[in-house]
C-alpha atoms as a PDB file:
ATOM      1  CA  MET A   1       0.000   0.000   0.000  1.00  0.00           C
ATOM      2  CA  GLN A   2       1.277   3.449  -0.952  1.00  0.00           C
ATOM      3  CA  GLU A   3       0.469   6.482   1.173  1.00  0.00           C
ATOM      4  CA  PHE A   4      -0.106   9.862  -0.473  1.00  0.00           C
ATOM      5  CA  ARG A   5      -0.004  12.672   2.090  1.00  0.00           C
ATOM      6  CA  THR A   6      -0.032  15.979   0.218  1.00  0.00           C
ATOM      7  CA  LYS A   7      -2.614  18.695  -0.337  1.00  0.00           C
ATOM      8  CA  GLU A   8      -2.840  17.519  -3.962  1.00  0.00           C
ATOM      9  CA  LEU A   9      -3.685  13.938  -2.949  1.00  0.00           C
ATOM     10  CA  TYR A  10      -4.201  12.569   0.538  1.00  0.00           C
ATOM     11  CA  ALA A  11      -5.083   8.906   0.110  1.00  0.00           C
ATOM     12  CA  ASP A  12      -4.180   5.270   0.544  1.00  0.00           C
ATOM     13  CA  PHE A  13      -3.466   3.516  -2.737  1.00  0.00           C
ATOM     14  CA  TYR A  14      -3.400  -0.237  -3.272  1.00  0.00           C
ATOM     15  CA  GLU A  15      -1.918  -0.937  -6.697  1.00  0.00           C
ATOM     16  CA  ASN A  16      -3.030  -4.102  -8.487  1.00  0.00           C
ATOM     17  CA  LYS A  17      -1.238  -4.127 -11.833  1.00  0.00           C
ATOM     18  CA  GLY A  18      -3.408  -4.714 -14.847  1.00  0.00           C
ATOM     19  CA  LYS A  19      -6.629  -4.144 -12.914  1.00  0.00           C
ATOM     20  CA  PRO A  20      -9.128  -1.278 -13.218  1.00  0.00           C
ATOM     21  CA  LEU A  21      -9.293   1.500 -10.621  1.00  0.00           C
ATOM     22  CA  LEU A  22     -11.887   1.650  -7.868  1.00  0.00           C
ATOM     23  CA  ILE A  23     -12.173   4.896  -5.925  1.00  0.00           C
ATOM     24  CA  ILE A  24     -13.640   5.103  -2.419  1.00  0.00           C
ATOM     25  CA  ILE A  25     -14.922   8.399  -1.038  1.00  0.00           C
ATOM     26  CA  GLY A  26     -16.174   8.331   2.539  1.00  0.00           C
ATOM     27  CA  GLY A  27     -18.691  10.474   4.369  1.00  0.00           C
ATOM     28  CA  SER A  28     -18.491  13.212   6.968  1.00  0.00           C
ATOM     29  CA  ARG A  29     -15.859  11.557   9.169  1.00  0.00           C
ATOM     30  CA  LYS A  30     -12.521  13.275   8.625  1.00  0.00           C
ATOM     31  CA  GLY A  31      -9.503  11.494   7.222  1.00  0.00           C
ATOM     32  CA  ILE A  32      -9.273   8.279   5.236  1.00  0.00           C
ATOM     33  CA  TRP A  33     -12.452   6.230   5.296  1.00  0.00           C
ATOM     34  CA  SER A  34     -12.316   2.734   6.770  1.00  0.00           C
ATOM     35  CA  ILE A  35     -14.365  -0.038   5.181  1.00  0.00           C
ATOM     36  CA  SER A  36     -15.173  -3.608   6.180  1.00  0.00           C
ATOM     37  CA  LYS A  37     -12.480  -6.259   5.732  1.00  0.00           C
ATOM     38  CA  ILE A  38     -14.880  -8.301   3.607  1.00  0.00           C
ATOM     39  CA  LEU A  39     -15.317  -5.443   1.139  1.00  0.00           C
ATOM     40  CA  LEU A  40     -11.632  -4.496   1.067  1.00  0.00           C
ATOM     41  CA  ASP A  41     -10.542  -8.123   0.527  1.00  0.00           C
ATOM     42  CA  TYR A  42     -12.962  -8.392  -2.402  1.00  0.00           C
ATOM     43  CA  LEU A  43     -11.817  -5.123  -3.950  1.00  0.00           C
ATOM     44  CA  LEU A  44      -8.125  -5.963  -3.721  1.00  0.00           C
ATOM     45  CA  LYS A  45      -8.709  -9.109  -5.798  1.00  0.00           C
ATOM     46  CA  HIS A  46     -10.248  -7.236  -8.690  1.00  0.00           C
ATOM     47  CA  TYR A  47      -9.099  -3.604  -8.619  1.00  0.00           C
ATOM     48  CA  SER A  48      -6.435  -1.108  -7.817  1.00  0.00           C
ATOM     49  CA  VAL A  49      -8.020   0.797  -4.925  1.00  0.00           C
ATOM     50  CA  LEU A  50      -7.715   4.496  -4.081  1.00  0.00           C
ATOM     51  CA  ILE A  51      -9.263   5.604  -0.764  1.00  0.00           C
ATOM     52  CA  PHE A  52      -9.560   9.381  -0.498  1.00  0.00           C
ATOM     53  CA  ALA A  53      -9.420  11.693   2.470  1.00  0.00           C
ATOM     54  CA  TYR A  54     -10.718  15.140   1.580  1.00  0.00           C
ATOM     55  CA  PHE A  55     -10.888  17.170   4.793  1.00  0.00           C
ATOM     56  CA  GLY A  56      -9.732  17.259   8.390  1.00  0.00           C
ATOM     57  CA  VAL A  57      -6.157  15.961   7.946  1.00  0.00           C
ATOM     58  CA  GLY A  58      -2.834  17.218   6.667  1.00  0.00           C
ATOM     59  CA  GLU A  59      -3.048  20.297   4.439  1.00  0.00           C
ATOM     60  CA  LEU A  60      -6.616  19.533   3.381  1.00  0.00           C
ATOM     61  CA  PRO A  61      -9.530  21.817   4.345  1.00  0.00           C
ATOM     62  CA  LYS A  62     -10.084  21.694   8.093  1.00  0.00           C
ATOM     63  CA  ASN A  63     -13.846  21.226   7.746  1.00  0.00           C
ATOM     64  CA  LEU A  64     -16.170  19.712   5.174  1.00  0.00           C
ATOM     65  CA  SER A  65     -16.791  23.131   3.669  1.00  0.00           C
ATOM     66  CA  LYS A  66     -15.657  24.677   0.370  1.00  0.00           C
ATOM     67  CA  VAL A  67     -13.826  21.499  -0.651  1.00  0.00           C
ATOM     68  CA  PRO A  68     -12.593  21.952  -4.258  1.00  0.00           C
ATOM     69  CA  LEU A  69     -13.912  19.362  -6.718  1.00  0.00           C
ATOM     70  CA  GLU A  70     -10.600  19.819  -8.534  1.00  0.00           C
ATOM     71  CA  TYR A  71      -8.937  18.012  -5.619  1.00  0.00           C
ATOM     72  CA  PHE A  72     -10.762  14.794  -6.559  1.00  0.00           C
ATOM     73  CA  ILE A  73     -10.427  15.336 -10.312  1.00  0.00           C
ATOM     74  CA  ASN A  74      -6.673  15.934 -10.144  1.00  0.00           C
ATOM     75  CA  GLY A  75      -6.111  13.087  -7.677  1.00  0.00           C
ATOM     76  CA  ILE A  76      -7.969  10.635  -9.888  1.00  0.00           C
ATOM     77  CA  ASN A  77      -6.013  11.813 -12.918  1.00  0.00           C
ATOM     78  CA  ILE A  78      -2.714  11.284 -11.072  1.00  0.00           C
ATOM     79  CA  ILE A  79      -3.553   7.621 -10.464  1.00  0.00           C
ATOM     80  CA  LYS A  80      -5.226   7.191 -13.851  1.00  0.00           C
ATOM     81  CA  SER A  81      -2.040   8.390 -15.562  1.00  0.00           C
ATOM     82  CA  LYS A  82       0.144   6.265 -13.286  1.00  0.00           C
ATOM     83  CA  LEU A  83      -1.789   3.130 -14.267  1.00  0.00           C
ATOM     84  CA  ASN A  84      -2.391   4.192 -17.884  1.00  0.00           C
ATOM     85  CA  LEU A  85      -6.129   3.690 -17.505  1.00  0.00           C
ATOM     86  CA  LYS A  86      -9.069   4.654 -19.697  1.00  0.00           C
ATOM     87  CA  ASP A  87     -12.373   6.106 -18.482  1.00  0.00           C
ATOM     88  CA  GLU A  88     -14.052   2.712 -18.701  1.00  0.00           C
ATOM     89  CA  ASP A  89     -11.555   1.417 -16.135  1.00  0.00           C
ATOM     90  CA  ILE A  90     -12.854   3.684 -13.328  1.00  0.00           C
ATOM     91  CA  THR A  91     -15.504   2.803 -10.725  1.00  0.00           C
ATOM     92  CA  ILE A  92     -16.504   4.832  -7.674  1.00  0.00           C
ATOM     93  CA  VAL A  93     -17.961   3.614  -4.366  1.00  0.00           C
ATOM     94  CA  ALA A  94     -18.990   6.482  -2.094  1.00  0.00           C
ATOM     95  CA  ASN A  95     -20.969   7.046   1.085  1.00  0.00           C
ATOM     96  CA  SER A  96     -23.194   9.930   2.274  1.00  0.00           C
ATOM     97  CA  LYS A  97     -21.370  13.265   1.773  1.00  0.00           C
ATOM     98  CA  GLY A  98     -18.782  11.399  -0.265  1.00  0.00           C
ATOM     99  CA  ALA A  99     -21.607  10.135  -2.487  1.00  0.00           C
ATOM    100  CA  GLU A 100     -22.754  13.737  -2.908  1.00  0.00           C
ATOM    101  CA  ALA A 101     -19.237  14.523  -4.146  1.00  0.00           C
ATOM    102  CA  ALA A 102     -19.133  11.420  -6.358  1.00  0.00           C
ATOM    103  CA  LEU A 103     -22.399  12.300  -8.098  1.00  0.00           C
ATOM    104  CA  LEU A 104     -21.110  15.827  -8.693  1.00  0.00           C
ATOM    105  CA  LEU A 105     -17.920  14.400 -10.190  1.00  0.00           C
ATOM    106  CA  VAL A 106     -19.655  12.048 -12.614  1.00  0.00           C
ATOM    107  CA  SER A 107     -22.273  14.661 -13.558  1.00  0.00           C
ATOM    108  CA  LYS A 108     -19.700  16.417 -15.772  1.00  0.00           C
ATOM    109  CA  HIS A 109     -16.120  16.005 -14.636  1.00  0.00           C
ATOM    110  CA  ILE A 110     -15.199  12.294 -14.406  1.00  0.00           C
ATOM    111  CA  ASN A 111     -16.265   9.570 -16.844  1.00  0.00           C
ATOM    112  CA  ALA A 112     -16.779   6.494 -14.671  1.00  0.00           C
ATOM    113  CA  LYS A 113     -17.907   3.069 -15.764  1.00  0.00           C
ATOM    114  CA  ALA A 114     -20.006   2.576 -12.641  1.00  0.00           C
ATOM    115  CA  VAL A 115     -20.884   4.294  -9.369  1.00  0.00           C
ATOM    116  CA  VAL A 116     -22.226   2.934  -6.083  1.00  0.00           C
ATOM    117  CA  ALA A 117     -23.765   5.800  -4.126  1.00  0.00           C
ATOM    118  CA  CYS A 118     -24.625   4.752  -0.565  1.00  0.00           C
ATOM    119  CA  VAL A 119     -27.189   6.901   1.311  1.00  0.00           C
ATOM    120  CA  PRO A 120     -26.433   9.763  -1.097  1.00  0.00           C
ATOM    121  CA  SER A 121     -27.847  13.201  -1.644  1.00  0.00           C
ATOM    122  CA  CYS A 122     -29.297  14.360  -4.932  1.00  0.00           C
ATOM    123  CA  TYR A 123     -28.572  17.946  -3.831  1.00  0.00           C
ATOM    124  CA  VAL A 124     -25.551  20.063  -2.957  1.00  0.00           C
ATOM    125  CA  TRP A 125     -25.692  20.977   0.747  1.00  0.00           C
ATOM    126  CA  GLN A 126     -24.314  23.599   3.055  1.00  0.00           C
ATOM    127  CA  GLY A 127     -20.869  22.775   4.399  1.00  0.00           C
ATOM    128  CA  LEU A 128     -20.388  21.107   7.771  1.00  0.00           C
ATOM    129  CA  VAL A 129     -18.425  23.184  10.256  1.00  0.00           C
ATOM    130  CA  LYS A 130     -18.086  23.644  14.019  1.00  0.00           C
ATOM    131  CA  ASN A 131     -17.846  27.435  14.083  1.00  0.00           C
ATOM    132  CA  PHE A 132     -21.289  28.916  14.815  1.00  0.00           C
ATOM    133  CA  LEU A 133     -20.535  31.980  12.672  1.00  0.00           C
ATOM    134  CA  ASP A 134     -20.278  29.693   9.658  1.00  0.00           C
ATOM    135  CA  PHE A 135     -23.864  28.613  10.253  1.00  0.00           C
ATOM    136  CA  ILE A 136     -24.965  32.248  10.360  1.00  0.00           C
ATOM    137  CA  PHE A 137     -23.040  32.919   7.146  1.00  0.00           C
ATOM    138  CA  PRO A 138     -23.242  29.507   5.438  1.00  0.00           C
ATOM    139  CA  LYS A 139     -20.922  28.252   2.755  1.00  0.00           C
ATOM    140  CA  SER A 140     -21.237  25.451   0.226  1.00  0.00           C
ATOM    141  CA  SER A 141     -19.722  22.033   0.814  1.00  0.00           C
ATOM    142  CA  TRP A 142     -17.991  22.215  -2.591  1.00  0.00           C
ATOM    143  CA  THR A 143     -16.322  24.664  -4.943  1.00  0.00           C
ATOM    144  CA  LEU A 144     -15.371  24.545  -8.607  1.00  0.00           C
ATOM    145  CA  ASN A 145     -12.991  27.010 -10.280  1.00  0.00           C
ATOM    146  CA  GLY A 146     -12.832  28.881  -6.984  1.00  0.00           C
ATOM    147  CA  LYS A 147     -16.599  29.451  -6.844  1.00  0.00           C
ATOM    148  CA  GLN A 148     -19.022  27.920  -4.356  1.00  0.00           C
ATOM    149  CA  LEU A 149     -21.595  25.582  -5.874  1.00  0.00           C
ATOM    150  CA  PRO A 150     -25.243  26.535  -5.218  1.00  0.00           C
ATOM    151  CA  PHE A 151     -26.406  24.743  -2.070  1.00  0.00           C
ATOM    152  CA  ILE A 152     -29.299  24.039   0.270  1.00  0.00           C
ATOM    153  CA  LYS A 153     -29.033  26.079   3.469  1.00  0.00           C
ATOM    154  CA  PHE A 154     -29.821  24.433   6.813  1.00  0.00           C
ATOM    155  CA  ARG A 155     -33.081  25.519   8.427  1.00  0.00           C
ATOM    156  CA  TYR A 156     -33.775  25.280  12.138  1.00  0.00           C
ATOM    157  CA  ASN A 157     -36.440  25.595  14.783  1.00  0.00           C
ATOM    158  CA  ARG A 158     -36.490  24.680  18.454  1.00  0.00           C
ATOM    159  CA  LYS A 159     -37.487  21.046  17.840  1.00  0.00           C
ATOM    160  CA  ILE A 160     -34.785  20.617  15.198  1.00  0.00           C
ATOM    161  CA  LEU A 161     -32.106  21.956  17.514  1.00  0.00           C
ATOM    162  CA  LYS A 162     -33.242  19.424  20.134  1.00  0.00           C
ATOM    163  CA  ASP A 163     -33.040  16.643  17.517  1.00  0.00           C
ATOM    164  CA  ILE A 164     -29.535  17.712  16.521  1.00  0.00           C
ATOM    165  CA  LYS A 165     -28.460  17.646  20.161  1.00  0.00           C
ATOM    166  CA  ASN A 166     -29.629  13.994  20.188  1.00  0.00           C
ATOM    167  CA  LYS A 167     -27.721  13.322  16.915  1.00  0.00           C
ATOM    168  CA  ILE A 168     -30.879  13.104  14.845  1.00  0.00           C
ATOM    169  CA  TYR A 169     -30.419  15.280  11.770  1.00  0.00           C
ATOM    170  CA  LEU A 170     -33.291  14.143   9.562  1.00  0.00           C
ATOM    171  CA  SER A 171     -35.771  16.836  10.624  1.00  0.00           C
ATOM    172  CA  CYS A 172     -33.265  19.569   9.744  1.00  0.00           C
ATOM    173  CA  SER A 173     -32.697  18.061   6.289  1.00  0.00           C
ATOM    174  CA  ILE A 174     -36.423  17.711   5.559  1.00  0.00           C
ATOM    175  CA  LYS A 175     -37.186  21.299   6.603  1.00  0.00           C
ATOM    176  CA  SER A 176     -34.203  22.577   4.638  1.00  0.00           C
ATOM    177  CA  ILE A 177     -35.335  20.803   1.463  1.00  0.00           C
ATOM    178  CA  SER A 178     -38.927  21.985   1.866  1.00  0.00           C
ATOM    179  CA  GLU A 179     -37.855  25.620   2.254  1.00  0.00           C
ATOM    180  CA  ASN A 180     -35.228  25.598  -0.493  1.00  0.00           C
ATOM    181  CA  LYS A 181     -35.980  28.028  -3.338  1.00  0.00           C
ATOM    182  CA  ASN A 182     -32.850  27.467  -5.430  1.00  0.00           C
ATOM    183  CA  ASN A 183     -33.465  25.055  -8.318  1.00  0.00           C
ATOM    184  CA  LYS A 184     -29.742  24.947  -9.111  1.00  0.00           C
ATOM    185  CA  VAL A 185     -28.921  22.774  -6.084  1.00  0.00           C
ATOM    186  CA  LEU A 186     -30.088  19.533  -7.760  1.00  0.00           C
ATOM    187  CA  ILE A 187     -27.113  17.521  -9.048  1.00  0.00           C
ATOM    188  CA  ASP A 188     -27.617  17.176 -12.815  1.00  0.00           C
ATOM    189  CA  LEU A 189     -26.934  13.576 -13.863  1.00  0.00           C
ATOM    190  CA  LYS A 190     -28.431  13.626 -17.359  1.00  0.00           C
ATOM    191  CA  GLU A 191     -24.986  13.304 -18.979  1.00  0.00           C
ATOM    192  CA  PHE A 192     -23.880  10.322 -16.873  1.00  0.00           C
ATOM    193  CA  LYS A 193     -23.397   7.288 -19.153  1.00  0.00           C
ATOM    194  CA  GLY A 194     -22.323   4.607 -16.677  1.00  0.00           C
ATOM    195  CA  LYS A 195     -24.224   2.283 -14.361  1.00  0.00           C
ATOM    196  CA  LEU A 196     -25.447   3.687 -11.055  1.00  0.00           C
ATOM    197  CA  LEU A 197     -26.463   1.793  -7.924  1.00  0.00           C
ATOM    198  CA  LEU A 198     -28.232   3.803  -5.225  1.00  0.00           C
ATOM    199  CA  LEU A 199     -28.476   2.271  -1.750  1.00  0.00           C
ATOM    200  CA  SER A 200     -30.723   4.011   0.756  1.00  0.00           C
ATOM    201  CA  SER A 201     -32.623   3.375   3.971  1.00  0.00           C
ATOM    202  CA  ASP A 202     -36.078   4.210   5.292  1.00  0.00           C
ATOM    203  CA  SER A 203     -34.452   4.488   8.728  1.00  0.00           C
ATOM    204  CA  ASP A 204     -31.819   7.066   7.818  1.00  0.00           C
ATOM    205  CA  ASN A 205     -31.671   9.585  10.693  1.00  0.00           C
ATOM    206  CA  TYR A 206     -29.113  11.774   8.949  1.00  0.00           C
ATOM    207  CA  TRP A 207     -31.042  12.851   5.868  1.00  0.00           C
ATOM    208  CA  PRO A 208     -33.863  11.482   3.663  1.00  0.00           C
ATOM    209  CA  SER A 209     -31.635   9.308   1.487  1.00  0.00           C
ATOM    210  CA  LYS A 210     -34.542   7.230   0.155  1.00  0.00           C
ATOM    211  CA  ASP A 211     -36.467  10.288  -1.019  1.00  0.00           C
ATOM    212  CA  MET A 212     -33.335  11.818  -2.513  1.00  0.00           C
ATOM    213  CA  CYS A 213     -32.563   8.597  -4.391  1.00  0.00           C
ATOM    214  CA  ASP A 214     -36.154   8.551  -5.668  1.00  0.00           C
ATOM    215  CA  THR A 215     -35.609  12.106  -6.933  1.00  0.00           C
ATOM    216  CA  ILE A 216     -32.640  10.914  -8.992  1.00  0.00           C
ATOM    217  CA  VAL A 217     -34.624   8.012 -10.471  1.00  0.00           C
ATOM    218  CA  GLN A 218     -37.573  10.266 -11.307  1.00  0.00           C
ATOM    219  CA  ASN A 219     -35.574  13.102 -12.863  1.00  0.00           C
ATOM    220  CA  PHE A 220     -32.926  11.391 -14.972  1.00  0.00           C
ATOM    221  CA  LYS A 221     -33.225   8.748 -17.703  1.00  0.00           C
ATOM    222  CA  ILE A 222     -30.003   6.940 -16.873  1.00  0.00           C
ATOM    223  CA  ASN A 223     -28.956   3.366 -16.090  1.00  0.00           C
ATOM    224  CA  VAL A 224     -29.864   3.455 -12.397  1.00  0.00           C
ATOM    225  CA  THR A 225     -30.967   0.899  -9.807  1.00  0.00           C
ATOM    226  CA  HIS A 226     -32.277   2.004  -6.415  1.00  0.00           C
ATOM    227  CA  LYS A 227     -32.393  -0.463  -3.522  1.00  0.00           C
ATOM    228  CA  VAL A 228     -33.856   0.419  -0.132  1.00  0.00           C
ATOM    229  CA  LEU A 229     -32.259  -1.590   2.688  1.00  0.00           C
ATOM    230  CA  ASN A 230     -33.612  -2.295   6.146  1.00  0.00           C
ATOM    231  CA  LEU A 231     -30.668  -0.724   7.932  1.00  0.00           C
ATOM    232  CA  THR A 232     -30.763   1.835  10.719  1.00  0.00           C
ATOM    233  CA  GLY A 233     -27.183   3.083  10.411  1.00  0.00           C
ATOM    234  CA  HIS A 234     -25.494   5.344   7.898  1.00  0.00           C
ATOM    235  CA  TYR A 235     -22.184   3.609   7.164  1.00  0.00           C
ATOM    236  CA  PHE A 236     -23.035   1.343   4.252  1.00  0.00           C
ATOM    237  CA  GLN A 237     -19.433   0.365   3.495  1.00  0.00           C
ATOM    238  CA  ASP A 238     -19.365  -1.482   6.827  1.00  0.00           C
ATOM    239  CA  TYR A 239     -22.596  -3.503   7.097  1.00  0.00           C
ATOM    240  CA  GLU A 240     -22.964  -7.050   5.820  1.00  0.00           C
ATOM    241  CA  GLU A 241     -26.200  -6.455   3.875  1.00  0.00           C
ATOM    242  CA  SER A 242     -25.042  -3.322   2.088  1.00  0.00           C
ATOM    243  CA  VAL A 243     -21.567  -4.756   1.411  1.00  0.00           C
ATOM    244  CA  LYS A 244     -23.221  -7.759  -0.257  1.00  0.00           C
ATOM    245  CA  GLU A 245     -25.246  -5.418  -2.483  1.00  0.00           C
ATOM    246  CA  ILE A 246     -22.090  -3.515  -3.430  1.00  0.00           C
ATOM    247  CA  ILE A 247     -20.185  -6.697  -4.274  1.00  0.00           C
ATOM    248  CA  ASP A 248     -23.076  -8.137  -6.301  1.00  0.00           C
ATOM    249  CA  PHE A 249     -23.330  -4.923  -8.296  1.00  0.00           C
ATOM    250  CA  LEU A 250     -19.589  -4.752  -8.929  1.00  0.00           C
ATOM    251  CA  ASP A 251     -19.589  -8.393 -10.055  1.00  0.00           C
ATOM    252  CA  GLY A 252     -22.133  -7.380 -12.707  1.00  0.00           C
ATOM    253  CA  THR A 253     -19.959  -4.537 -14.006  1.00  0.00           C
ATOM    254  CA  ARG A 254     -16.640  -6.351 -14.359  1.00  0.00           C
END
């Protein structure tokens, strides 16, 4: 395993000569995402694997706010060039906020053969920070060419603040979507030509991943499959049921 630890690319890279590239982008936990041993063992048999960090470590942005999409694009191109790969040799598996980033990337910027988006968003959201002033003056999670992408702002009331204190974020997301007036926040996937697997849950306490996946299916005529799993957690690259769905899908794309 090769460690990249620069502001241009902060990632773990497992090279598997002659194999296609699979990219993993984790959610809102800082640093390099950890995945189940079952999934990693499977991936290392069939792919070269690049696991991104994109905030909270090294010289990367401190918070998940105003993260440049160019960071992912350039990092992927570094490995793509190193392995002499074509677009059809790239697959992405991403979770939650990382899936939001992945869908943005394949909307226009990266040509991937297949994408697994676990509990994703169909929208661009406000960045996640700890400084209260940043909630008063919100910023986008992502930038492109130095400009913030249009985003859904968080909306609050007394009940929502109580929910957040108890680590239940769903009510904030639902209110924020319902009060959003910016039609540019929807991630436009009409140009995506690969295969897309959406995994969501009816019991997602972080945001309405099922409804957001349904929005993708309803709005874009692309090669997409949406599966709703009976899982209460949010870390789909760890759980046995979701890992099985990911592996089955990847088997069908190789």
